[in-house]
Amino acid sequence: GALETPVAAYNMTEEGTEVTVGYAYSGPEQQGFELITLRQEPEAFVTVHMGPMMQIHHSWQALHEEILARGYEPSGPCRELYVRAESADQSDWVTELQQPVRRAG
C-alpha cells in the first residue's frame, strides 16, 4: 500500500491537545509505525482552507461559527486533510477541515 494524503487529528484532553499525524495508508503493517483507524463519524461539517497555515485559524473560526448557527455542536476530534501541501511559501496549499458534530441540546 502506498502512502496517501497526509492527515492530522486534534483531540482536546484535560492534559492539553493530543495530536495524531500521519498518512492515509492501506497495506501491511510496517515496523516502526503505528497503524490506527480514525473513527468514522456519522455527521461532520467540512470546509476547505486555501493558502498559508498561519491563517488557518480564520477558516476554523468560520466553520465553528457555522456549526453553532445551524444548531449543532462539535462532537469529537477535528481533522485536517492536507490535500495539497507542496510549496515552501504555502500560497497554494489546500487543507480540508473536518469537524464531527451532533445536534445541540
PDB file of N, CA and C in Angstrom:
ATOM      1  N   GLY A   1       0.834  -1.194   0.000  1.00  0.00           N
ATOM      2  CA  GLY A   1       0.000   0.000   0.000  1.00  0.00           C
ATOM      3  C   GLY A   1       0.865   1.237   0.000  1.00  0.00           C
ATOM      4  N   ALA A   2       0.463   2.192  -0.768  1.00  0.00           N
ATOM      5  CA  ALA A   2       1.208   3.442  -0.866  1.00  0.00           C
ATOM      6  C   ALA A   2       0.762   4.426   0.198  1.00  0.00           C
ATOM      7  N   LEU A   3       1.682   5.312   0.585  1.00  0.00           N
ATOM      8  CA  LEU A   3       1.316   6.413   1.450  1.00  0.00           C
ATOM      9  C   LEU A   3       0.456   7.367   0.647  1.00  0.00           C
ATOM     10  N   GLU A   4      -0.607   7.817   1.253  1.00  0.00           N
ATOM     11  CA  GLU A   4      -1.513   8.719   0.557  1.00  0.00           C
ATOM     12  C   GLU A   4      -1.545  10.060   1.263  1.00  0.00           C
ATOM     13  N   THR A   5      -2.604  10.776   1.159  1.00  0.00           N
ATOM     14  CA  THR A   5      -2.735  12.130   1.664  1.00  0.00           C
ATOM     15  C   THR A   5      -2.420  12.243   3.160  1.00  0.00           C
ATOM     16  N   PRO A   6      -1.596  13.223   3.560  1.00  0.00           N
ATOM     17  CA  PRO A   6      -1.324  13.441   4.982  1.00  0.00           C
ATOM     18  C   PRO A   6      -2.581  13.901   5.716  1.00  0.00           C
ATOM     19  N   VAL A   7      -2.685  13.510   6.982  1.00  0.00           N
ATOM     20  CA  VAL A   7      -3.845  13.861   7.793  1.00  0.00           C
ATOM     21  C   VAL A   7      -3.402  14.089   9.232  1.00  0.00           C
ATOM     22  N   ALA A   8      -4.110  14.965   9.937  1.00  0.00           N
ATOM     23  CA  ALA A   8      -3.870  15.185  11.366  1.00  0.00           C
ATOM     24  C   ALA A   8      -5.214  15.232  12.069  1.00  0.00           C
ATOM     25  N   ALA A   9      -5.262  14.672  13.263  1.00  0.00           N
ATOM     26  CA  ALA A   9      -6.461  14.730  14.100  1.00  0.00           C
ATOM     27  C   ALA A   9      -6.073  15.387  15.420  1.00  0.00           C
ATOM     28  N   TYR A  10      -6.930  16.278  15.908  1.00  0.00           N
ATOM     29  CA  TYR A  10      -6.661  17.042  17.123  1.00  0.00           C
ATOM     30  C   TYR A  10      -7.756  16.759  18.133  1.00  0.00           C
ATOM     31  N   ASN A  11      -7.364  16.275  19.319  1.00  0.00           N
ATOM     32  CA  ASN A  11      -8.305  15.932  20.367  1.00  0.00           C
ATOM     33  C   ASN A  11      -7.943  16.696  21.635  1.00  0.00           C
ATOM     34  N   MET A  12      -8.889  17.484  22.149  1.00  0.00           N
ATOM     35  CA  MET A  12      -8.652  18.242  23.373  1.00  0.00           C
ATOM     36  C   MET A  12      -8.863  17.319  24.571  1.00  0.00           C
ATOM     37  N   THR A  13      -7.867  17.259  25.463  1.00  0.00           N
ATOM     38  CA  THR A  13      -7.968  16.455  26.680  1.00  0.00           C
ATOM     39  C   THR A  13      -7.700  17.353  27.881  1.00  0.00           C
ATOM     40  N   GLU A  14      -7.848  16.805  29.073  1.00  0.00           N
ATOM     41  CA  GLU A  14      -7.574  17.602  30.276  1.00  0.00           C
ATOM     42  C   GLU A  14      -6.103  18.002  30.354  1.00  0.00           C
ATOM     43  N   GLU A  15      -5.219  17.207  29.758  1.00  0.00           N
ATOM     44  CA  GLU A  15      -3.786  17.479  29.789  1.00  0.00           C
ATOM     45  C   GLU A  15      -3.343  18.444  28.692  1.00  0.00           C
ATOM     46  N   GLY A  16      -4.201  18.692  27.707  1.00  0.00           N
ATOM     47  CA  GLY A  16      -3.837  19.560  26.590  1.00  0.00           C
ATOM     48  C   GLY A  16      -4.380  18.995  25.291  1.00  0.00           C
ATOM     49  N   THR A  17      -3.724  19.307  24.191  1.00  0.00           N
ATOM     50  CA  THR A  17      -4.163  18.840  22.886  1.00  0.00           C
ATOM     51  C   THR A  17      -3.384  17.597  22.484  1.00  0.00           C
ATOM     52  N   GLU A  18      -4.096  16.533  22.164  1.00  0.00           N
ATOM     53  CA  GLU A  18      -3.488  15.296  21.667  1.00  0.00           C
ATOM     54  C   GLU A  18      -3.530  15.354  20.138  1.00  0.00           C
ATOM     55  N   VAL A  19      -2.376  15.251  19.498  1.00  0.00           N
ATOM     56  CA  VAL A  19      -2.287  15.357  18.048  1.00  0.00           C
ATOM     57  C   VAL A  19      -1.835  14.028  17.463  1.00  0.00           C
ATOM     58  N   THR A  20      -2.592  13.544  16.477  1.00  0.00           N
ATOM     59  CA  THR A  20      -2.216  12.347  15.736  1.00  0.00           C
ATOM     60  C   THR A  20      -1.930  12.788  14.307  1.00  0.00           C
ATOM     61  N   VAL A  21      -0.726  12.505  13.821  1.00  0.00           N
ATOM     62  CA  VAL A  21      -0.317  12.940  12.489  1.00  0.00           C
ATOM     63  C   VAL A  21       0.165  11.730  11.701  1.00  0.00           C
ATOM     64  N   GLY A  22      -0.213  11.672  10.449  1.00  0.00           N
ATOM     65  CA  GLY A  22       0.239  10.554   9.634  1.00  0.00           C
ATOM     66  C   GLY A  22      -0.263  10.666   8.209  1.00  0.00           C
ATOM     67  N   TYR A  23      -0.336   9.526   7.565  1.00  0.00           N
ATOM     68  CA  TYR A  23      -0.786   9.436   6.185  1.00  0.00           C
ATOM     69  C   TYR A  23      -1.876   8.391   6.091  1.00  0.00           C
ATOM     70  N   ALA A  24      -2.815   8.637   5.172  1.00  0.00           N
ATOM     71  CA  ALA A  24      -3.765   7.584   4.849  1.00  0.00           C
ATOM     72  C   ALA A  24      -2.941   6.445   4.249  1.00  0.00           C
ATOM     73  N   TYR A  25      -3.202   5.219   4.673  1.00  0.00           N
ATOM     74  CA  TYR A  25      -2.372   4.088   4.259  1.00  0.00           C
ATOM     75  C   TYR A  25      -3.222   2.833   4.221  1.00  0.00           C
ATOM     76  N   SER A  26      -3.027   2.056   3.184  1.00  0.00           N
ATOM     77  CA  SER A  26      -3.670   0.741   3.128  1.00  0.00           C
ATOM     78  C   SER A  26      -2.602  -0.252   2.708  1.00  0.00           C
ATOM     79  N   GLY A  27      -2.308  -1.170   3.579  1.00  0.00           N
ATOM     80  CA  GLY A  27      -1.269  -2.144   3.280  1.00  0.00           C
ATOM     81  C   GLY A  27      -0.864  -2.877   4.538  1.00  0.00           C
ATOM     82  N   PRO A  28       0.170  -3.669   4.433  1.00  0.00           N
ATOM     83  CA  PRO A  28       0.622  -4.440   5.600  1.00  0.00           C
ATOM     84  C   PRO A  28       1.260  -3.532   6.642  1.00  0.00           C
ATOM     85  N   GLU A  29       1.279  -4.022   7.888  1.00  0.00           N
ATOM     86  CA  GLU A  29       1.930  -3.259   8.948  1.00  0.00           C
ATOM     87  C   GLU A  29       3.412  -3.100   8.641  1.00  0.00           C
ATOM     88  N   GLN A  30       3.948  -1.948   9.021  1.00  0.00           N
ATOM     89  CA  GLN A  30       5.360  -1.645   8.812  1.00  0.00           C
ATOM     90  C   GLN A  30       6.017  -1.447  10.167  1.00  0.00           C
ATOM     91  N   GLN A  31       7.166  -2.068  10.373  1.00  0.00           N
ATOM     92  CA  GLN A  31       7.871  -1.941  11.641  1.00  0.00           C
ATOM     93  C   GLN A  31       8.227  -0.479  11.896  1.00  0.00           C
ATOM     94  N   GLY A  32       8.025  -0.037  13.128  1.00  0.00           N
ATOM     95  CA  GLY A  32       8.352   1.336  13.495  1.00  0.00           C
ATOM     96  C   GLY A  32       7.203   2.311  13.314  1.00  0.00           C
ATOM     97  N   PHE A  33       6.070   1.850  12.779  1.00  0.00           N
ATOM     98  CA  PHE A  33       4.913   2.713  12.583  1.00  0.00           C
ATOM     99  C   PHE A  33       3.716   2.115  13.295  1.00  0.00           C
ATOM    100  N   GLU A  34       2.884   2.966  13.837  1.00  0.00           N
ATOM    101  CA  GLU A  34       1.652   2.509  14.471  1.00  0.00           C
ATOM    102  C   GLU A  34       0.497   2.745  13.510  1.00  0.00           C
ATOM    103  N   LEU A  35      -0.260   1.708  13.205  1.00  0.00           N
ATOM    104  CA  LEU A  35      -1.430   1.839  12.349  1.00  0.00           C
ATOM    105  C   LEU A  35      -2.650   2.065  13.223  1.00  0.00           C
ATOM    106  N   ILE A  36      -3.386   3.133  12.935  1.00  0.00           N
ATOM    107  CA  ILE A  36      -4.627   3.401  13.645  1.00  0.00           C
ATOM    108  C   ILE A  36      -5.728   3.629  12.616  1.00  0.00           C
ATOM    109  N   THR A  37      -6.944   3.471  13.037  1.00  0.00           N
ATOM    110  CA  THR A  37      -8.091   3.769  12.187  1.00  0.00           C
ATOM    111  C   THR A  37      -8.853   4.902  12.847  1.00  0.00           C
ATOM    112  N   LEU A  38      -8.978   6.016  12.119  1.00  0.00           N
ATOM    113  CA  LEU A  38      -9.772   7.115  12.647  1.00  0.00           C
ATOM    114  C   LEU A  38     -11.233   6.687  12.640  1.00  0.00           C
ATOM    115  N   ARG A  39     -11.917   7.028  13.712  1.00  0.00           N
ATOM    116  CA  ARG A  39     -13.316   6.657  13.858  1.00  0.00           C
ATOM    117  C   ARG A  39     -14.169   7.284  12.756  1.00  0.00           C
ATOM    118  N   GLN A  40     -15.047   6.496  12.168  1.00  0.00           N
ATOM    119  CA  GLN A  40     -15.984   7.025  11.182  1.00  0.00           C
ATOM    120  C   GLN A  40     -17.024   7.855  11.920  1.00  0.00           C
ATOM    121  N   GLU A  41     -17.274   9.037  11.452  1.00  0.00           N
ATOM    122  CA  GLU A  41     -18.213   9.944  12.105  1.00  0.00           C
ATOM    123  C   GLU A  41     -19.523   9.989  11.325  1.00  0.00           C
ATOM    124  N   PRO A  42     -20.661   9.927  12.016  1.00  0.00           N
ATOM    125  CA  PRO A  42     -21.949   9.942  11.313  1.00  0.00           C
ATOM    126  C   PRO A  42     -22.262  11.289  10.673  1.00  0.00           C
ATOM    127  N   GLU A  43     -21.821  12.402  11.295  1.00  0.00           N
ATOM    128  CA  GLU A  43     -22.063  13.727  10.744  1.00  0.00           C
ATOM    129  C   GLU A  43     -20.857  14.616  10.996  1.00  0.00           C
ATOM    130  N   ALA A  44     -20.557  15.462  10.022  1.00  0.00           N
ATOM    131  CA  ALA A  44     -19.457  16.412  10.191  1.00  0.00           C
ATOM    132  C   ALA A  44     -19.712  17.626   9.306  1.00  0.00           C
ATOM    133  N   PHE A  45     -19.202  18.746   9.741  1.00  0.00           N
ATOM    134  CA  PHE A  45     -19.154  19.925   8.894  1.00  0.00           C
ATOM    135  C   PHE A  45     -17.754  19.967   8.301  1.00  0.00           C
ATOM    136  N   VAL A  46     -17.674  20.303   7.018  1.00  0.00           N
ATOM    137  CA  VAL A  46     -16.401  20.277   6.305  1.00  0.00           C
ATOM    138  C   VAL A  46     -16.276  21.556   5.481  1.00  0.00           C
ATOM    139  N   THR A  47     -15.065  22.113   5.461  1.00  0.00           N
ATOM    140  CA  THR A  47     -14.783  23.250   4.597  1.00  0.00           C
ATOM    141  C   THR A  47     -13.348  23.115   4.098  1.00  0.00           C
ATOM    142  N   VAL A  48     -12.947  24.007   3.210  1.00  0.00           N
ATOM    143  CA  VAL A  48     -11.593  23.970   2.651  1.00  0.00           C
ATOM    144  C   VAL A  48     -10.890  25.290   2.958  1.00  0.00           C
ATOM    145  N   HIS A  49      -9.674  25.183   3.472  1.00  0.00           N
ATOM    146  CA  HIS A  49      -8.815  26.351   3.700  1.00  0.00           C
ATOM    147  C   HIS A  49      -7.809  26.418   2.556  1.00  0.00           C
ATOM    148  N   MET A  50      -7.718  27.586   1.933  1.00  0.00           N
ATOM    149  CA  MET A  50      -6.777  27.801   0.836  1.00  0.00           C
ATOM    150  C   MET A  50      -5.667  28.719   1.329  1.00  0.00           C
ATOM    151  N   GLY A  51      -4.417  28.278   1.164  1.00  0.00           N
ATOM    152  CA  GLY A  51      -3.297  29.152   1.485  1.00  0.00           C
ATOM    153  C   GLY A  51      -2.564  28.779   2.757  1.00  0.00           C
ATOM    154  N   PRO A  52      -1.796  29.751   3.289  1.00  0.00           N
ATOM    155  CA  PRO A  52      -0.869  29.502   4.391  1.00  0.00           C
ATOM    156  C   PRO A  52      -1.550  29.004   5.669  1.00  0.00           C
ATOM    157  N   MET A  53      -0.843  28.123   6.367  1.00  0.00           N
ATOM    158  CA  MET A  53      -1.328  27.578   7.627  1.00  0.00           C
ATOM    159  C   MET A  53      -1.392  28.658   8.708  1.00  0.00           C
ATOM    160  N   MET A  54      -0.602  29.704   8.554  1.00  0.00           N
ATOM    161  CA  MET A  54      -0.583  30.786   9.526  1.00  0.00           C
ATOM    162  C   MET A  54      -1.971  31.436   9.648  1.00  0.00           C
ATOM    163  N   GLN A  55      -2.816  31.272   8.622  1.00  0.00           N
ATOM    164  CA  GLN A  55      -4.136  31.895   8.626  1.00  0.00           C
ATOM    165  C   GLN A  55      -5.266  30.875   8.774  1.00  0.00           C
ATOM    166  N   ILE A  56      -4.933  29.614   9.043  1.00  0.00           N
ATOM    167  CA  ILE A  56      -5.955  28.569   9.085  1.00  0.00           C
ATOM    168  C   ILE A  56      -6.951  28.779  10.220  1.00  0.00           C
ATOM    169  N   HIS A  57      -6.536  29.473  11.281  1.00  0.00           N
ATOM    170  CA  HIS A  57      -7.463  29.705  12.396  1.00  0.00           C
ATOM    171  C   HIS A  57      -8.699  30.484  11.956  1.00  0.00           C
ATOM    172  N   HIS A  58      -8.572  31.330  10.927  1.00  0.00           N
ATOM    173  CA  HIS A  58      -9.733  32.062  10.408  1.00  0.00           C
ATOM    174  C   HIS A  58     -10.752  31.089   9.807  1.00  0.00           C
ATOM    175  N   SER A  59     -10.265  30.086   9.086  1.00  0.00           N
ATOM    176  CA  SER A  59     -11.160  29.091   8.489  1.00  0.00           C
ATOM    177  C   SER A  59     -11.813  28.233   9.569  1.00  0.00           C
ATOM    178  N   TRP A  60     -11.039  27.836  10.581  1.00  0.00           N
ATOM    179  CA  TRP A  60     -11.616  27.068  11.690  1.00  0.00           C
ATOM    180  C   TRP A  60     -12.676  27.886  12.412  1.00  0.00           C
ATOM    181  N   GLN A  61     -12.416  29.162  12.644  1.00  0.00           N
ATOM    182  CA  GLN A  61     -13.375  30.016  13.336  1.00  0.00           C
ATOM    183  C   GLN A  61     -14.669  30.122  12.528  1.00  0.00           C
ATOM    184  N   ALA A  62     -14.554  30.326  11.226  1.00  0.00           N
ATOM    185  CA  ALA A  62     -15.746  30.430  10.372  1.00  0.00           C
ATOM    186  C   ALA A  62     -16.536  29.117  10.382  1.00  0.00           C
ATOM    187  N   LEU A  63     -15.841  27.987  10.347  1.00  0.00           N
ATOM    188  CA  LEU A  63     -16.512  26.691  10.377  1.00  0.00           C
ATOM    189  C   LEU A  63     -17.271  26.514  11.686  1.00  0.00           C
ATOM    190  N   HIS A  64     -16.633  26.839  12.816  1.00  0.00           N
ATOM    191  CA  HIS A  64     -17.296  26.676  14.110  1.00  0.00           C
ATOM    192  C   HIS A  64     -18.464  27.644  14.283  1.00  0.00           C
ATOM    193  N   GLU A  65     -18.356  28.843  13.740  1.00  0.00           N
ATOM    194  CA  GLU A  65     -19.485  29.771  13.782  1.00  0.00           C
ATOM    195  C   GLU A  65     -20.674  29.203  13.010  1.00  0.00           C
ATOM    196  N   GLU A  66     -20.413  28.588  11.870  1.00  0.00           N
ATOM    197  CA  GLU A  66     -21.478  27.996  11.055  1.00  0.00           C
ATOM    198  C   GLU A  66     -22.101  26.792  11.762  1.00  0.00           C
ATOM    199  N   ILE A  67     -21.284  25.991  12.407  1.00  0.00           N
ATOM    200  CA  ILE A  67     -21.786  24.837  13.167  1.00  0.00           C
ATOM    201  C   ILE A  67     -22.790  25.305  14.212  1.00  0.00           C
ATOM    202  N   LEU A  68     -22.418  26.309  14.996  1.00  0.00           N
ATOM    203  CA  LEU A  68     -23.296  26.829  16.054  1.00  0.00           C
ATOM    204  C   LEU A  68     -24.542  27.488  15.466  1.00  0.00           C
ATOM    205  N   ALA A  69     -24.381  28.243  14.377  1.00  0.00           N
ATOM    206  CA  ALA A  69     -25.507  28.943  13.751  1.00  0.00           C
ATOM    207  C   ALA A  69     -26.565  27.975  13.237  1.00  0.00           C
ATOM    208  N   ARG A  70     -26.156  26.775  12.878  1.00  0.00           N
ATOM    209  CA  ARG A  70     -27.103  25.788  12.338  1.00  0.00           C
ATOM    210  C   ARG A  70     -27.629  24.824  13.417  1.00  0.00           C
ATOM    211  N   GLY A  71     -27.333  25.102  14.685  1.00  0.00           N
ATOM    212  CA  GLY A  71     -27.883  24.308  15.765  1.00  0.00           C
ATOM    213  C   GLY A  71     -27.132  23.024  16.073  1.00  0.00           C
ATOM    214  N   TYR A  72     -25.859  22.987  15.749  1.00  0.00           N
ATOM    215  CA  TYR A  72     -25.019  21.823  16.039  1.00  0.00           C
ATOM    216  C   TYR A  72     -23.944  22.212  17.041  1.00  0.00           C
ATOM    217  N   GLU A  73     -23.194  21.203  17.494  1.00  0.00           N
ATOM    218  CA  GLU A  73     -22.032  21.431  18.340  1.00  0.00           C
ATOM    219  C   GLU A  73     -20.965  20.398  17.985  1.00  0.00           C
ATOM    220  N   PRO A  74     -19.687  20.736  18.197  1.00  0.00           N
ATOM    221  CA  PRO A  74     -18.622  19.758  17.931  1.00  0.00           C
ATOM    222  C   PRO A  74     -18.823  18.514  18.796  1.00  0.00           C
ATOM    223  N   SER A  75     -18.509  17.338  18.239  1.00  0.00           N
ATOM    224  CA  SER A  75     -18.724  16.100  18.992  1.00  0.00           C
ATOM    225  C   SER A  75     -17.550  15.138  18.933  1.00  0.00           C
ATOM    226  N   GLY A  76     -16.381  15.640  18.636  1.00  0.00           N
ATOM    227  CA  GLY A  76     -15.228  14.759  18.604  1.00  0.00           C
ATOM    228  C   GLY A  76     -14.021  15.479  18.050  1.00  0.00           C
ATOM    229  N   PRO A  77     -12.903  14.769  17.979  1.00  0.00           N
ATOM    230  CA  PRO A  77     -11.668  15.380  17.478  1.00  0.00           C
ATOM    231  C   PRO A  77     -11.846  15.932  16.066  1.00  0.00           C
ATOM    232  N   CYS A  78     -11.313  17.126  15.836  1.00  0.00           N
ATOM    233  CA  CYS A  78     -11.328  17.697  14.489  1.00  0.00           C
ATOM    234  C   CYS A  78     -10.168  17.116  13.688  1.00  0.00           C
ATOM    235  N   ARG A  79     -10.272  17.252  12.375  1.00  0.00           N
ATOM    236  CA  ARG A  79      -9.254  16.694  11.481  1.00  0.00           C
ATOM    237  C   ARG A  79      -8.889  17.700  10.404  1.00  0.00           C
ATOM    238  N   GLU A  80      -7.648  17.605   9.955  1.00  0.00           N
ATOM    239  CA  GLU A  80      -7.176  18.362   8.800  1.00  0.00           C
ATOM    240  C   GLU A  80      -6.614  17.369   7.796  1.00  0.00           C
ATOM    241  N   LEU A  81      -7.110  17.439   6.582  1.00  0.00           N
ATOM    242  CA  LEU A  81      -6.633  16.593   5.491  1.00  0.00           C
ATOM    243  C   LEU A  81      -5.857  17.504   4.547  1.00  0.00           C
ATOM    244  N   TYR A  82      -4.567  17.236   4.391  1.00  0.00           N
ATOM    245  CA  TYR A  82      -3.693  18.114   3.614  1.00  0.00           C
ATOM    246  C   TYR A  82      -3.723  17.691   2.153  1.00  0.00           C
ATOM    247  N   VAL A  83      -4.680  18.254   1.424  1.00  0.00           N
ATOM    248  CA  VAL A  83      -4.938  17.872   0.037  1.00  0.00           C
ATOM    249  C   VAL A  83      -3.748  18.241  -0.848  1.00  0.00           C
ATOM    250  N   ARG A  84      -3.234  19.465  -0.655  1.00  0.00           N
ATOM    251  CA  ARG A  84      -2.022  19.875  -1.383  1.00  0.00           C
ATOM    252  C   ARG A  84      -1.183  20.697  -0.423  1.00  0.00           C
ATOM    253  N   ALA A  85       0.056  20.266  -0.227  1.00  0.00           N
ATOM    254  CA  ALA A  85       0.972  20.950   0.697  1.00  0.00           C
ATOM    255  C   ALA A  85       2.372  20.840   0.129  1.00  0.00           C
ATOM    256  N   GLU A  86       2.628  21.556  -0.953  1.00  0.00           N
ATOM    257  CA  GLU A  86       3.896  21.389  -1.667  1.00  0.00           C
ATOM    258  C   GLU A  86       4.806  22.600  -1.632  1.00  0.00           C
ATOM    259  N   SER A  87       4.278  23.804  -1.883  1.00  0.00           N
ATOM    260  CA  SER A  87       5.148  24.976  -1.993  1.00  0.00           C
ATOM    261  C   SER A  87       5.663  25.416  -0.630  1.00  0.00           C
ATOM    262  N   ALA A  88       6.887  25.918  -0.605  1.00  0.00           N
ATOM    263  CA  ALA A  88       7.512  26.350   0.651  1.00  0.00           C
ATOM    264  C   ALA A  88       6.788  27.538   1.266  1.00  0.00           C
ATOM    265  N   ASP A  89       6.228  28.423   0.445  1.00  0.00           N
ATOM    266  CA  ASP A  89       5.544  29.604   0.988  1.00  0.00           C
ATOM    267  C   ASP A  89       4.076  29.338   1.327  1.00  0.00           C
ATOM    268  N   GLN A  90       3.597  28.141   1.062  1.00  0.00           N
ATOM    269  CA  GLN A  90       2.248  27.679   1.390  1.00  0.00           C
ATOM    270  C   GLN A  90       1.140  28.422   0.648  1.00  0.00           C
ATOM    271  N   SER A  91       1.484  29.222  -0.340  1.00  0.00           N
ATOM    272  CA  SER A  91       0.469  30.020  -1.029  1.00  0.00           C
ATOM    273  C   SER A  91      -0.549  29.170  -1.779  1.00  0.00           C
ATOM    274  N   ASP A  92      -0.152  27.989  -2.224  1.00  0.00           N
ATOM    275  CA  ASP A  92      -1.083  27.150  -2.993  1.00  0.00           C
ATOM    276  C   ASP A  92      -1.578  25.941  -2.191  1.00  0.00           C
ATOM    277  N   TRP A  93      -1.385  25.949  -0.884  1.00  0.00           N
ATOM    278  CA  TRP A  93      -1.818  24.819  -0.061  1.00  0.00           C
ATOM    279  C   TRP A  93      -3.347  24.739  -0.022  1.00  0.00           C
ATOM    280  N   VAL A  94      -3.840  23.510   0.037  1.00  0.00           N
ATOM    281  CA  VAL A  94      -5.273  23.237   0.140  1.00  0.00           C
ATOM    282  C   VAL A  94      -5.455  22.262   1.303  1.00  0.00           C
ATOM    283  N   THR A  95      -6.213  22.680   2.316  1.00  0.00           N
ATOM    284  CA  THR A  95      -6.411  21.875   3.516  1.00  0.00           C
ATOM    285  C   THR A  95      -7.904  21.720   3.782  1.00  0.00           C
ATOM    286  N   GLU A  96      -8.365  20.473   3.860  1.00  0.00           N
ATOM    287  CA  GLU A  96      -9.764  20.218   4.190  1.00  0.00           C
ATOM    288  C   GLU A  96      -9.911  20.141   5.703  1.00  0.00           C
ATOM    289  N   LEU A  97     -10.839  20.930   6.251  1.00  0.00           N
ATOM    290  CA  LEU A  97     -11.098  20.943   7.686  1.00  0.00           C
ATOM    291  C   LEU A  97     -12.355  20.125   7.945  1.00  0.00           C
ATOM    292  N   GLN A  98     -12.294  19.206   8.893  1.00  0.00           N
ATOM    293  CA  GLN A  98     -13.415  18.326   9.199  1.00  0.00           C
ATOM    294  C   GLN A  98     -13.714  18.397  10.694  1.00  0.00           C
ATOM    295  N   GLN A  99     -14.948  18.723  11.041  1.00  0.00           N
ATOM    296  CA  GLN A  99     -15.347  18.763  12.441  1.00  0.00           C
ATOM    297  C   GLN A  99     -16.585  17.897  12.649  1.00  0.00           C
ATOM    298  N   PRO A 100     -16.438  16.739  13.320  1.00  0.00           N
ATOM    299  CA  PRO A 100     -17.607  15.933  13.662  1.00  0.00           C
ATOM    300  C   PRO A 100     -18.572  16.759  14.517  1.00  0.00           C
ATOM    301  N   VAL A 101     -19.877  16.571  14.305  1.00  0.00           N
ATOM    302  CA  VAL A 101     -20.897  17.344  15.005  1.00  0.00           C
ATOM    303  C   VAL A 101     -22.052  16.461  15.463  1.00  0.00           C
ATOM    304  N   ARG A 102     -22.854  17.032  16.361  1.00  0.00           N
ATOM    305  CA  ARG A 102     -24.145  16.459  16.749  1.00  0.00           C
ATOM    306  C   ARG A 102     -25.092  17.624  16.974  1.00  0.00           C
ATOM    307  N   ARG A 103     -26.383  17.348  16.929  1.00  0.00           N
ATOM    308  CA  ARG A 103     -27.379  18.383  17.200  1.00  0.00           C
ATOM    309  C   ARG A 103     -27.192  18.917  18.609  1.00  0.00           C
ATOM    310  N   ALA A 104     -27.204  20.230  18.765  1.00  0.00           N
ATOM    311  CA  ALA A 104     -27.065  20.839  20.087  1.00  0.00           C
ATOM    312  C   ALA A 104     -28.337  20.597  20.896  1.00  0.00           C
ATOM    313  N   GLY A 105     -28.167  20.554  22.201  1.00  0.00           N
ATOM    314  CA  GLY A 105     -29.351  20.447  23.036  1.00  0.00           C
ATOM    315  C   GLY A 105     -29.327  19.253  23.852  1.00  0.00           C
TER     316      GLY A 105
END
